[in-house]
Amino acid sequence: MSDQVNNIGPQGLPAVGKPAQRPDTRGADGPESFKKLVVDRATQARADQAARMAQMQAGAPPAAGGLKWSAHAQQRMRMRSITFTPGEMDQIQNAVGKAAAKGARESLLLINNKALVVSVPNRTVITAVDEASLKENVFTNIDSAVIL
């Protein structure tokens, strides 16, 4: 009886003696499908990251509440070879949201030895400063600072 499963038959009566039916785990629902899913997701993540970086460098606002980058900020980033990882970009967006919640208007964001001055209501990065330029620099016309 260990090789058999009691199932309920057509009139609600037990159907005794039917062998257990197991789904076929090969093919579309098997290991190859899982491997394809993992590879597809990794490929999509790389494409999303490349698109975000291209948008940032072009000054286009990223999707859903992202930041805009002024022409001046883009120029400074190119001149100073400043880049941000996707994780840093998420931190920056969260910091701007926190500054907005506190009523900030022009905020200095410090992240990993780099600085940004952001117009919080416009969600626009005004300028970017690298580590070498941070030394002995004076930031004016800001009303808040967020240290990440």
Protein backbone atom coordinates (compact mmCIF):
# COMPACT_ATOMS: atom_id res chain seq x y z
CA MET A 1 0.00 0.00 0.00
CA SER A 2 3.00 2.32 0.34
CA ASP A 3 3.26 2.66 -3.44
CA GLN A 4 -0.37 3.67 -3.75
CA VAL A 5 -2.31 6.77 -2.76
CA ASN A 6 -5.92 6.91 -1.66
CA ASN A 7 -7.67 9.49 -3.82
CA ILE A 8 -11.28 10.61 -3.72
CA GLY A 9 -13.22 9.13 -6.62
CA PRO A 10 -16.11 10.53 -8.70
CA GLN A 11 -18.91 10.16 -6.14
CA GLY A 12 -16.84 11.25 -3.18
CA LEU A 13 -15.88 7.70 -2.39
CA PRO A 14 -12.26 6.78 -1.90
CA ALA A 15 -10.61 5.43 -5.01
CA VAL A 16 -8.21 2.86 -3.64
CA GLY A 17 -5.27 1.48 -5.52
CA LYS A 18 -4.43 4.34 -7.92
CA PRO A 19 -0.71 5.01 -8.21
CA ALA A 20 0.58 8.38 -7.04
CA GLN A 21 0.89 10.91 -9.85
CA ARG A 22 3.89 13.21 -9.66
CA PRO A 23 4.35 16.18 -11.95
CA ASP A 24 7.12 15.93 -14.50
CA THR A 25 9.87 18.22 -13.21
CA ARG A 26 11.84 18.11 -16.42
CA GLY A 27 11.44 20.53 -19.30
CA ALA A 28 9.65 23.86 -18.87
CA ASP A 29 9.43 23.64 -15.08
CA GLY A 30 12.78 22.01 -14.45
CA PRO A 31 16.38 23.06 -13.84
CA GLU A 32 16.95 24.34 -17.38
CA SER A 33 13.99 26.69 -17.07
CA PHE A 34 15.29 27.97 -13.74
CA LYS A 35 18.75 28.54 -15.20
CA LYS A 36 17.22 30.50 -18.10
CA LEU A 37 15.18 32.59 -15.65
CA VAL A 38 18.30 33.46 -13.61
CA VAL A 39 20.28 34.38 -16.73
CA ASP A 40 17.38 36.46 -18.11
CA ARG A 41 17.02 38.36 -14.82
CA ALA A 42 20.76 39.04 -14.62
CA THR A 43 20.77 40.26 -18.21
CA GLN A 44 17.78 42.52 -17.50
CA ALA A 45 19.46 43.92 -14.37
CA ARG A 46 22.59 44.80 -16.37
CA ALA A 47 20.45 46.45 -19.06
CA ASP A 48 18.53 48.43 -16.42
CA GLN A 49 21.79 49.57 -14.82
CA ALA A 50 23.21 50.65 -18.19
CA ALA A 51 20.00 52.54 -18.98
CA ARG A 52 20.08 54.36 -15.63
CA MET A 53 23.70 55.38 -16.14
CA ALA A 54 22.96 56.58 -19.68
CA GLN A 55 19.99 58.60 -18.42
CA MET A 56 22.08 60.13 -15.66
CA GLN A 57 24.87 61.07 -18.04
CA ALA A 58 22.39 62.48 -20.56
CA GLY A 59 20.61 64.48 -17.88
CA ALA A 60 17.31 62.76 -18.54
CA PRO A 61 15.28 62.09 -15.43
CA PRO A 62 15.23 58.40 -14.46
CA ALA A 63 11.87 56.71 -14.22
CA ALA A 64 9.44 57.33 -11.38
CA GLY A 65 10.48 60.27 -9.28
CA GLY A 66 14.14 60.30 -10.26
CA LEU A 67 16.56 63.19 -10.35
CA LYS A 68 17.35 65.54 -13.19
CA TRP A 69 20.94 66.55 -13.85
CA SER A 70 21.62 70.13 -14.94
CA ALA A 71 23.97 70.76 -17.86
CA HIS A 72 26.45 72.24 -15.37
CA ALA A 73 26.33 69.10 -13.18
CA GLN A 74 26.82 66.88 -16.23
CA GLN A 75 29.79 68.97 -17.34
CA ARG A 76 31.38 68.80 -13.88
CA MET A 77 30.88 65.05 -13.73
CA ARG A 78 32.59 64.60 -17.09
CA MET A 79 35.44 66.99 -16.23
CA ARG A 80 36.06 65.41 -12.84
CA SER A 81 35.37 61.79 -13.86
CA ILE A 82 32.66 61.46 -11.22
CA THR A 83 30.48 58.37 -11.42
CA PHE A 84 27.92 56.82 -9.11
CA THR A 85 26.98 53.19 -8.73
CA PRO A 86 23.31 52.20 -8.94
CA GLY A 87 23.37 51.74 -5.16
CA GLU A 88 24.72 55.26 -4.70
CA MET A 89 22.06 56.58 -7.07
CA ASP A 90 19.38 54.97 -4.91
CA GLN A 91 20.95 56.52 -1.79
CA ILE A 92 21.01 59.95 -3.47
CA GLN A 93 17.36 59.71 -4.49
CA ASN A 94 16.39 58.63 -0.96
CA ALA A 95 18.42 61.50 0.52
CA VAL A 96 16.65 64.04 -1.70
CA GLY A 97 13.32 62.60 -0.56
CA LYS A 98 14.35 62.95 3.10
CA ALA A 99 15.54 66.51 2.52
CA ALA A 100 12.22 67.34 0.85
CA ALA A 101 10.32 65.89 3.81
CA LYS A 102 12.24 68.28 6.10
CA GLY A 103 11.44 71.28 3.87
CA ALA A 104 14.94 71.72 2.41
CA ARG A 105 15.34 73.84 -0.71
CA GLU A 106 19.04 73.67 -1.67
CA SER A 107 20.88 70.75 -0.13
CA LEU A 108 24.48 69.56 -0.04
CA LEU A 109 24.71 65.76 -0.31
CA LEU A 110 27.97 64.12 0.74
CA ILE A 111 28.47 60.55 -0.45
CA ASN A 112 31.73 58.56 -0.50
CA ASN A 113 34.04 61.60 -0.77
CA LYS A 114 31.89 63.21 -3.45
CA ALA A 115 29.41 66.03 -3.10
CA LEU A 116 26.29 67.17 -4.91
CA VAL A 117 24.34 70.38 -4.56
CA VAL A 118 20.68 69.64 -5.26
CA SER A 119 17.65 71.84 -5.80
CA VAL A 120 15.31 69.76 -3.67
CA PRO A 121 11.91 71.10 -4.86
CA ASN A 122 12.97 70.64 -8.51
CA ARG A 123 14.78 67.35 -7.79
CA THR A 124 17.67 68.69 -9.90
CA VAL A 125 21.37 68.16 -9.26
CA ILE A 126 22.99 71.58 -9.73
CA THR A 127 26.67 70.63 -9.44
CA ALA A 128 28.93 67.72 -8.58
CA VAL A 129 32.28 67.88 -6.77
CA ASP A 130 34.94 65.18 -6.54
CA GLU A 131 37.18 64.42 -3.55
CA ALA A 132 40.09 66.59 -4.73
CA SER A 133 37.81 69.60 -5.24
CA LEU A 134 36.14 69.15 -1.84
CA LYS A 135 39.21 70.30 0.05
CA GLU A 136 39.03 73.94 1.11
CA ASN A 137 35.83 74.42 -0.90
CA VAL A 138 33.06 76.67 0.41
CA PHE A 139 29.46 75.79 -0.41
CA THR A 140 27.06 78.72 -0.40
CA ASN A 141 23.33 79.09 -0.94
CA ILE A 142 22.47 75.83 0.76
CA ASP A 143 20.06 75.40 3.63
CA SER A 144 20.76 71.78 4.50
CA ALA A 145 23.29 68.97 4.27
CA VAL A 146 22.73 65.22 4.04
CA ILE A 147 25.66 62.95 4.81
CA LEU A 148 25.36 59.46 3.34
